[in-house]
Amino acid sequence: MIQEEIVQPDTYKLARYRTESIVKECGSKCELIDYEPLLFNKTTNRFEFFDSHGFLYFTGVNHMSAHGMELVRPIYTRICKNLT
């Protein structure tokens, strides 16, 4: 299955745990930028790499496409607004 080939669940969970620990240790100076709510399908219990029309969110492993960048744009907009 393509989802299993792109993101290995165990590797992802370990990396996520480590990142969460680093952000927690950093305190209020750091913020976790979390794509999981946008890309993880809780019904199928896997990451989605395509939207409902078949457009890819990624151009390759760990590289977001323009379509993927539009999906996560609100996260960065919120962060930038909070900086001012």
PDB file of N, CA and C in Angstrom:
ATOM      1  N   MET A   1       0.840  -1.157   0.000  1.00  0.00           N
ATOM      2  CA  MET A   1       0.000   0.000   0.000  1.00  0.00           C
ATOM      3  C   MET A   1       0.899   1.238   0.000  1.00  0.00           C
ATOM      4  N   ILE A   2       0.586   2.223  -0.834  1.00  0.00           N
ATOM      5  CA  ILE A   2       1.453   3.393  -0.990  1.00  0.00           C
ATOM      6  C   ILE A   2       1.632   4.159   0.319  1.00  0.00           C
ATOM      7  N   GLN A   3       0.576   4.268   1.139  1.00  0.00           N
ATOM      8  CA  GLN A   3       0.697   5.000   2.398  1.00  0.00           C
ATOM      9  C   GLN A   3       1.723   4.354   3.321  1.00  0.00           C
ATOM     10  N   GLU A   4       1.768   3.044   3.337  1.00  0.00           N
ATOM     11  CA  GLU A   4       2.709   2.339   4.198  1.00  0.00           C
ATOM     12  C   GLU A   4       4.137   2.481   3.694  1.00  0.00           C
ATOM     13  N   GLU A   5       4.295   2.639   2.386  1.00  0.00           N
ATOM     14  CA  GLU A   5       5.628   2.795   1.830  1.00  0.00           C
ATOM     15  C   GLU A   5       6.181   4.190   2.083  1.00  0.00           C
ATOM     16  N   ILE A   6       5.331   5.204   2.043  1.00  0.00           N
ATOM     17  CA  ILE A   6       5.789   6.577   2.207  1.00  0.00           C
ATOM     18  C   ILE A   6       6.047   6.908   3.675  1.00  0.00           C
ATOM     19  N   VAL A   7       5.127   6.569   4.553  1.00  0.00           N
ATOM     20  CA  VAL A   7       5.284   6.844   5.985  1.00  0.00           C
ATOM     21  C   VAL A   7       5.179   5.536   6.739  1.00  0.00           C
ATOM     22  N   GLN A   8       6.280   5.108   7.306  1.00  0.00           N
ATOM     23  CA  GLN A   8       6.249   3.896   8.115  1.00  0.00           C
ATOM     24  C   GLN A   8       5.730   4.285   9.493  1.00  0.00           C
ATOM     25  N   PRO A   9       4.606   3.700   9.918  1.00  0.00           N
ATOM     26  CA  PRO A   9       3.941   4.128  11.154  1.00  0.00           C
ATOM     27  C   PRO A   9       4.838   4.164  12.383  1.00  0.00           C
ATOM     28  N   ASP A  10       5.676   3.175  12.586  1.00  0.00           N
ATOM     29  CA  ASP A  10       6.517   3.158  13.780  1.00  0.00           C
ATOM     30  C   ASP A  10       7.553   4.279  13.754  1.00  0.00           C
ATOM     31  N   THR A  11       8.141   4.517  12.598  1.00  0.00           N
ATOM     32  CA  THR A  11       9.133   5.578  12.459  1.00  0.00           C
ATOM     33  C   THR A  11       8.489   6.929  12.707  1.00  0.00           C
ATOM     34  N   TYR A  12       7.314   7.126  12.152  1.00  0.00           N
ATOM     35  CA  TYR A  12       6.594   8.386  12.326  1.00  0.00           C
ATOM     36  C   TYR A  12       6.288   8.635  13.801  1.00  0.00           C
ATOM     37  N   LYS A  13       5.791   7.633  14.505  1.00  0.00           N
ATOM     38  CA  LYS A  13       5.423   7.804  15.914  1.00  0.00           C
ATOM     39  C   LYS A  13       6.638   8.133  16.772  1.00  0.00           C
ATOM     40  N   LEU A  14       7.748   7.496  16.500  1.00  0.00           N
ATOM     41  CA  LEU A  14       8.971   7.766  17.248  1.00  0.00           C
ATOM     42  C   LEU A  14       9.442   9.200  17.003  1.00  0.00           C
ATOM     43  N   ALA A  15       9.435   9.622  15.750  1.00  0.00           N
ATOM     44  CA  ALA A  15       9.853  10.986  15.414  1.00  0.00           C
ATOM     45  C   ALA A  15       8.903  12.006  16.032  1.00  0.00           C
ATOM     46  N   ARG A  16       7.625  11.721  16.007  1.00  0.00           N
ATOM     47  CA  ARG A  16       6.633  12.637  16.589  1.00  0.00           C
ATOM     48  C   ARG A  16       6.836  12.757  18.098  1.00  0.00           C
ATOM     49  N   TYR A  17       7.060  11.655  18.774  1.00  0.00           N
ATOM     50  CA  TYR A  17       7.282  11.671  20.220  1.00  0.00           C
ATOM     51  C   TYR A  17       8.520  12.505  20.551  1.00  0.00           C
ATOM     52  N   ARG A  18       9.576  12.306  19.785  1.00  0.00           N
ATOM     53  CA  ARG A  18      10.816  13.061  20.018  1.00  0.00           C
ATOM     54  C   ARG A  18      10.589  14.552  19.790  1.00  0.00           C
ATOM     55  N   THR A  19       9.914  14.908  18.725  1.00  0.00           N
ATOM     56  CA  THR A  19       9.647  16.317  18.430  1.00  0.00           C
ATOM     57  C   THR A  19       8.781  16.949  19.511  1.00  0.00           C
ATOM     58  N   GLU A  20       7.748  16.243  19.954  1.00  0.00           N
ATOM     59  CA  GLU A  20       6.887  16.762  21.022  1.00  0.00           C
ATOM     60  C   GLU A  20       7.690  16.997  22.297  1.00  0.00           C
ATOM     61  N   SER A  21       8.616  16.098  22.609  1.00  0.00           N
ATOM     62  CA  SER A  21       9.451  16.241  23.806  1.00  0.00           C
ATOM     63  C   SER A  21      10.357  17.465  23.705  1.00  0.00           C
ATOM     64  N   ILE A  22      10.933  17.680  22.532  1.00  0.00           N
ATOM     65  CA  ILE A  22      11.819  18.830  22.324  1.00  0.00           C
ATOM     66  C   ILE A  22      11.037  20.132  22.465  1.00  0.00           C
ATOM     67  N   VAL A  23       9.852  20.194  21.866  1.00  0.00           N
ATOM     68  CA  VAL A  23       9.028  21.402  21.947  1.00  0.00           C
ATOM     69  C   VAL A  23       8.604  21.659  23.389  1.00  0.00           C
ATOM     70  N   LYS A  24       8.245  20.621  24.103  1.00  0.00           N
ATOM     71  CA  LYS A  24       7.843  20.769  25.506  1.00  0.00           C
ATOM     72  C   LYS A  24       9.009  21.312  26.335  1.00  0.00           C
ATOM     73  N   GLU A  25      10.193  20.783  26.095  1.00  0.00           N
ATOM     74  CA  GLU A  25      11.389  21.224  26.814  1.00  0.00           C
ATOM     75  C   GLU A  25      11.728  22.682  26.487  1.00  0.00           C
ATOM     76  N   CYS A  26      11.469  23.088  25.273  1.00  0.00           N
ATOM     77  CA  CYS A  26      11.759  24.448  24.808  1.00  0.00           C
ATOM     78  C   CYS A  26      10.844  25.473  25.482  1.00  0.00           C
ATOM     79  N   GLY A  27       9.636  25.074  25.807  1.00  0.00           N
ATOM     80  CA  GLY A  27       8.700  25.974  26.481  1.00  0.00           C
ATOM     81  C   GLY A  27       7.980  26.904  25.523  1.00  0.00           C
ATOM     82  N   SER A  28       7.685  28.099  25.996  1.00  0.00           N
ATOM     83  CA  SER A  28       6.857  29.035  25.227  1.00  0.00           C
ATOM     84  C   SER A  28       7.567  29.618  24.010  1.00  0.00           C
ATOM     85  N   LYS A  29       8.877  29.424  23.888  1.00  0.00           N
ATOM     86  CA  LYS A  29       9.620  29.936  22.734  1.00  0.00           C
ATOM     87  C   LYS A  29       9.370  29.101  21.479  1.00  0.00           C
ATOM     88  N   CYS A  30       8.859  27.884  21.649  1.00  0.00           N
ATOM     89  CA  CYS A  30       8.694  26.966  20.518  1.00  0.00           C
ATOM     90  C   CYS A  30       7.231  26.583  20.343  1.00  0.00           C
ATOM     91  N   GLU A  31       6.892  26.246  19.121  1.00  0.00           N
ATOM     92  CA  GLU A  31       5.548  25.775  18.824  1.00  0.00           C
ATOM     93  C   GLU A  31       5.643  24.590  17.866  1.00  0.00           C
ATOM     94  N   LEU A  32       4.894  23.549  18.161  1.00  0.00           N
ATOM     95  CA  LEU A  32       4.859  22.379  17.292  1.00  0.00           C
ATOM     96  C   LEU A  32       3.982  22.688  16.084  1.00  0.00           C
ATOM     97  N   ILE A  33       4.539  22.558  14.907  1.00  0.00           N
ATOM     98  CA  ILE A  33       3.769  22.738  13.678  1.00  0.00           C
ATOM     99  C   ILE A  33       3.273  21.357  13.290  1.00  0.00           C
ATOM    100  N   ASP A  34       1.990  21.152  13.490  1.00  0.00           N
ATOM    101  CA  ASP A  34       1.400  19.820  13.404  1.00  0.00           C
ATOM    102  C   ASP A  34       0.506  19.678  12.175  1.00  0.00           C
ATOM    103  N   TYR A  35       0.935  18.856  11.224  1.00  0.00           N
ATOM    104  CA  TYR A  35       0.146  18.592  10.025  1.00  0.00           C
ATOM    105  C   TYR A  35      -0.796  17.404  10.205  1.00  0.00           C
ATOM    106  N   GLU A  36      -0.619  16.659  11.263  1.00  0.00           N
ATOM    107  CA  GLU A  36      -1.405  15.438  11.451  1.00  0.00           C
ATOM    108  C   GLU A  36      -2.919  15.668  11.363  1.00  0.00           C
ATOM    109  N   PRO A  37      -3.479  16.708  12.012  1.00  0.00           N
ATOM    110  CA  PRO A  37      -4.930  16.897  11.905  1.00  0.00           C
ATOM    111  C   PRO A  37      -5.411  17.112  10.467  1.00  0.00           C
ATOM    112  N   LEU A  38      -4.541  17.629   9.620  1.00  0.00           N
ATOM    113  CA  LEU A  38      -4.916  17.882   8.230  1.00  0.00           C
ATOM    114  C   LEU A  38      -4.720  16.669   7.328  1.00  0.00           C
ATOM    115  N   LEU A  39      -3.764  15.815   7.656  1.00  0.00           N
ATOM    116  CA  LEU A  39      -3.392  14.726   6.754  1.00  0.00           C
ATOM    117  C   LEU A  39      -3.749  13.327   7.250  1.00  0.00           C
ATOM    118  N   PHE A  40      -4.058  13.176   8.531  1.00  0.00           N
ATOM    119  CA  PHE A  40      -4.327  11.840   9.072  1.00  0.00           C
ATOM    120  C   PHE A  40      -5.821  11.561   9.055  1.00  0.00           C
ATOM    121  N   ASN A  41      -6.192  10.453   8.425  1.00  0.00           N
ATOM    122  CA  ASN A  41      -7.593  10.044   8.348  1.00  0.00           C
ATOM    123  C   ASN A  41      -7.864   9.064   9.483  1.00  0.00           C
ATOM    124  N   LYS A  42      -8.650   9.489  10.468  1.00  0.00           N
ATOM    125  CA  LYS A  42      -8.922   8.648  11.638  1.00  0.00           C
ATOM    126  C   LYS A  42      -9.803   7.449  11.297  1.00  0.00           C
ATOM    127  N   THR A  43     -10.593   7.551  10.243  1.00  0.00           N
ATOM    128  CA  THR A  43     -11.457   6.438   9.837  1.00  0.00           C
ATOM    129  C   THR A  43     -10.633   5.275   9.302  1.00  0.00           C
ATOM    130  N   THR A  44      -9.661   5.593   8.440  1.00  0.00           N
ATOM    131  CA  THR A  44      -8.826   4.548   7.839  1.00  0.00           C
ATOM    132  C   THR A  44      -7.546   4.308   8.633  1.00  0.00           C
ATOM    133  N   ASN A  45      -7.288   5.187   9.611  1.00  0.00           N
ATOM    134  CA  ASN A  45      -6.099   5.095  10.458  1.00  0.00           C
ATOM    135  C   ASN A  45      -4.804   5.154   9.637  1.00  0.00           C
ATOM    136  N   ARG A  46      -4.762   6.109   8.704  1.00  0.00           N
ATOM    137  CA  ARG A  46      -3.571   6.283   7.873  1.00  0.00           C
ATOM    138  C   ARG A  46      -3.487   7.723   7.365  1.00  0.00           C
ATOM    139  N   PHE A  47      -2.315   8.076   6.885  1.00  0.00           N
ATOM    140  CA  PHE A  47      -2.123   9.393   6.302  1.00  0.00           C
ATOM    141  C   PHE A  47      -2.671   9.405   4.885  1.00  0.00           C
ATOM    142  N   GLU A  48      -3.238  10.536   4.515  1.00  0.00           N
ATOM    143  CA  GLU A  48      -3.751  10.723   3.164  1.00  0.00           C
ATOM    144  C   GLU A  48      -2.744  11.567   2.386  1.00  0.00           C
ATOM    145  N   PHE A  49      -2.366  11.100   1.229  1.00  0.00           N
ATOM    146  CA  PHE A  49      -1.406  11.812   0.402  1.00  0.00           C
ATOM    147  C   PHE A  49      -2.060  12.441  -0.815  1.00  0.00           C
ATOM    148  N   PHE A  50      -3.368  12.196  -0.976  1.00  0.00           N
ATOM    149  CA  PHE A  50      -4.145  12.731  -2.085  1.00  0.00           C
ATOM    150  C   PHE A  50      -5.417  13.352  -1.514  1.00  0.00           C
ATOM    151  N   ASP A  51      -5.928  14.398  -2.162  1.00  0.00           N
ATOM    152  CA  ASP A  51      -7.225  14.910  -1.745  1.00  0.00           C
ATOM    153  C   ASP A  51      -8.317  14.092  -2.430  1.00  0.00           C
ATOM    154  N   SER A  52      -9.562  14.471  -2.246  1.00  0.00           N
ATOM    155  CA  SER A  52     -10.679  13.690  -2.800  1.00  0.00           C
ATOM    156  C   SER A  52     -10.724  13.724  -4.324  1.00  0.00           C
ATOM    157  N   HIS A  53      -9.988  14.650  -4.951  1.00  0.00           N
ATOM    158  CA  HIS A  53      -9.932  14.739  -6.413  1.00  0.00           C
ATOM    159  C   HIS A  53      -8.694  14.059  -6.990  1.00  0.00           C
ATOM    160  N   GLY A  54      -7.851  13.513  -6.130  1.00  0.00           N
ATOM    161  CA  GLY A  54      -6.652  12.820  -6.585  1.00  0.00           C
ATOM    162  C   GLY A  54      -5.409  13.683  -6.684  1.00  0.00           C
ATOM    163  N   PHE A  55      -5.482  14.939  -6.223  1.00  0.00           N
ATOM    164  CA  PHE A  55      -4.308  15.811  -6.247  1.00  0.00           C
ATOM    165  C   PHE A  55      -3.388  15.463  -5.084  1.00  0.00           C
ATOM    166  N   LEU A  56      -2.106  15.341  -5.377  1.00  0.00           N
ATOM    167  CA  LEU A  56      -1.115  15.002  -4.358  1.00  0.00           C
ATOM    168  C   LEU A  56      -0.798  16.180  -3.446  1.00  0.00           C
ATOM    169  N   TYR A  57      -0.614  15.882  -2.172  1.00  0.00           N
ATOM    170  CA  TYR A  57      -0.143  16.880  -1.220  1.00  0.00           C
ATOM    171  C   TYR A  57       1.383  16.943  -1.201  1.00  0.00           C
ATOM    172  N   PHE A  58       2.041  15.928  -1.754  1.00  0.00           N
ATOM    173  CA  PHE A  58       3.503  15.844  -1.724  1.00  0.00           C
ATOM    174  C   PHE A  58       4.053  15.576  -3.119  1.00  0.00           C
ATOM    175  N   THR A  59       5.252  16.115  -3.390  1.00  0.00           N
ATOM    176  CA  THR A  59       5.921  15.823  -4.656  1.00  0.00           C
ATOM    177  C   THR A  59       6.858  14.640  -4.493  1.00  0.00           C
ATOM    178  N   GLY A  60       7.224  14.333  -3.305  1.00  0.00           N
ATOM    179  CA  GLY A  60       8.102  13.225  -2.969  1.00  0.00           C
ATOM    180  C   GLY A  60       8.131  13.113  -1.460  1.00  0.00           C
ATOM    181  N   VAL A  61       8.920  12.229  -0.951  1.00  0.00           N
ATOM    182  CA  VAL A  61       8.970  12.052   0.493  1.00  0.00           C
ATOM    183  C   VAL A  61       9.405  13.361   1.155  1.00  0.00           C
ATOM    184  N   ASN A  62       8.575  13.849   2.053  1.00  0.00           N
ATOM    185  CA  ASN A  62       8.840  15.056   2.851  1.00  0.00           C
ATOM    186  C   ASN A  62       8.897  16.359   2.064  1.00  0.00           C
ATOM    187  N   HIS A  63       8.411  16.386   0.835  1.00  0.00           N
ATOM    188  CA  HIS A  63       8.370  17.615   0.053  1.00  0.00           C
ATOM    189  C   HIS A  63       6.918  17.905  -0.311  1.00  0.00           C
ATOM    190  N   MET A  64       6.384  19.011   0.204  1.00  0.00           N
ATOM    191  CA  MET A  64       4.986  19.341  -0.069  1.00  0.00           C
ATOM    192  C   MET A  64       4.846  19.968  -1.449  1.00  0.00           C
ATOM    193  N   SER A  65       3.768  19.611  -2.117  1.00  0.00           N
ATOM    194  CA  SER A  65       3.445  20.220  -3.403  1.00  0.00           C
ATOM    195  C   SER A  65       2.797  21.580  -3.143  1.00  0.00           C
ATOM    196  N   ALA A  66       2.564  22.342  -4.203  1.00  0.00           N
ATOM    197  CA  ALA A  66       1.865  23.626  -4.058  1.00  0.00           C
ATOM    198  C   ALA A  66       0.484  23.393  -3.451  1.00  0.00           C
ATOM    199  N   HIS A  67      -0.156  22.308  -3.835  1.00  0.00           N
ATOM    200  CA  HIS A  67      -1.474  21.956  -3.296  1.00  0.00           C
ATOM    201  C   HIS A  67      -1.375  21.662  -1.793  1.00  0.00           C
ATOM    202  N   GLY A  68      -0.344  20.966  -1.394  1.00  0.00           N
ATOM    203  CA  GLY A  68      -0.122  20.684   0.024  1.00  0.00           C
ATOM    204  C   GLY A  68       0.177  21.944   0.816  1.00  0.00           C
ATOM    205  N   MET A  69       0.943  22.856   0.227  1.00  0.00           N
ATOM    206  CA  MET A  69       1.256  24.118   0.903  1.00  0.00           C
ATOM    207  C   MET A  69      -0.006  24.937   1.146  1.00  0.00           C
ATOM    208  N   GLU A  70      -0.930  24.892   0.205  1.00  0.00           N
ATOM    209  CA  GLU A  70      -2.199  25.600   0.410  1.00  0.00           C
ATOM    210  C   GLU A  70      -2.993  24.977   1.557  1.00  0.00           C
ATOM    211  N   LEU A  71      -2.885  23.680   1.711  1.00  0.00           N
ATOM    212  CA  LEU A  71      -3.580  22.989   2.801  1.00  0.00           C
ATOM    213  C   LEU A  71      -3.061  23.452   4.164  1.00  0.00           C
ATOM    214  N   VAL A  72      -1.754  23.632   4.286  1.00  0.00           N
ATOM    215  CA  VAL A  72      -1.160  23.993   5.580  1.00  0.00           C
ATOM    216  C   VAL A  72      -0.993  25.504   5.765  1.00  0.00           C
ATOM    217  N   ARG A  73      -1.309  26.284   4.759  1.00  0.00           N
ATOM    218  CA  ARG A  73      -1.153  27.744   4.850  1.00  0.00           C
ATOM    219  C   ARG A  73      -1.805  28.341   6.101  1.00  0.00           C
ATOM    220  N   PRO A  74      -3.011  27.926   6.503  1.00  0.00           N
ATOM    221  CA  PRO A  74      -3.628  28.512   7.705  1.00  0.00           C
ATOM    222  C   PRO A  74      -2.791  28.336   8.975  1.00  0.00           C
ATOM    223  N   ILE A  75      -2.036  27.270   9.069  1.00  0.00           N
ATOM    224  CA  ILE A  75      -1.176  27.057  10.240  1.00  0.00           C
ATOM    225  C   ILE A  75      -0.129  28.168  10.312  1.00  0.00           C
ATOM    226  N   TYR A  76       0.526  28.443   9.194  1.00  0.00           N
ATOM    227  CA  TYR A  76       1.572  29.461   9.172  1.00  0.00           C
ATOM    228  C   TYR A  76       0.995  30.871   9.275  1.00  0.00           C
ATOM    229  N   THR A  77      -0.184  31.081   8.720  1.00  0.00           N
ATOM    230  CA  THR A  77      -0.851  32.377   8.854  1.00  0.00           C
ATOM    231  C   THR A  77      -1.134  32.669  10.320  1.00  0.00           C
ATOM    232  N   ARG A  78      -1.624  31.670  11.040  1.00  0.00           N
ATOM    233  CA  ARG A  78      -1.915  31.838  12.472  1.00  0.00           C
ATOM    234  C   ARG A  78      -0.636  32.130  13.248  1.00  0.00           C
ATOM    235  N   ILE A  79       0.429  31.391  12.964  1.00  0.00           N
ATOM    236  CA  ILE A  79       1.701  31.613  13.659  1.00  0.00           C
ATOM    237  C   ILE A  79       2.204  33.036  13.404  1.00  0.00           C
ATOM    238  N   CYS A  80       2.151  33.484  12.162  1.00  0.00           N
ATOM    239  CA  CYS A  80       2.626  34.833  11.828  1.00  0.00           C
ATOM    240  C   CYS A  80       1.786  35.907  12.511  1.00  0.00           C
ATOM    241  N   LYS A  81       0.481  35.722  12.571  1.00  0.00           N
ATOM    242  CA  LYS A  81      -0.381  36.696  13.255  1.00  0.00           C
ATOM    243  C   LYS A  81      -0.047  36.776  14.736  1.00  0.00           C
ATOM    244  N   ASN A  82       0.316  35.654  15.339  1.00  0.00           N
ATOM    245  CA  ASN A  82       0.644  35.643  16.764  1.00  0.00           C
ATOM    246  C   ASN A  82       2.006  36.262  17.060  1.00  0.00           C
ATOM    247  N   LEU A  83       2.840  36.443  16.046  1.00  0.00           N
ATOM    248  CA  LEU A  83       4.158  37.042  16.246  1.00  0.00           C
ATOM    249  C   LEU A  83       4.084  38.560  16.393  1.00  0.00           C
ATOM    250  N   THR A  84       3.041  39.143  15.871  1.00  0.00           N
ATOM    251  CA  THR A  84       2.951  40.614  15.899  1.00  0.00           C
ATOM    252  C   THR A  84       2.241  41.125  17.120  1.00  0.00           C
TER     253      THR A  84
END
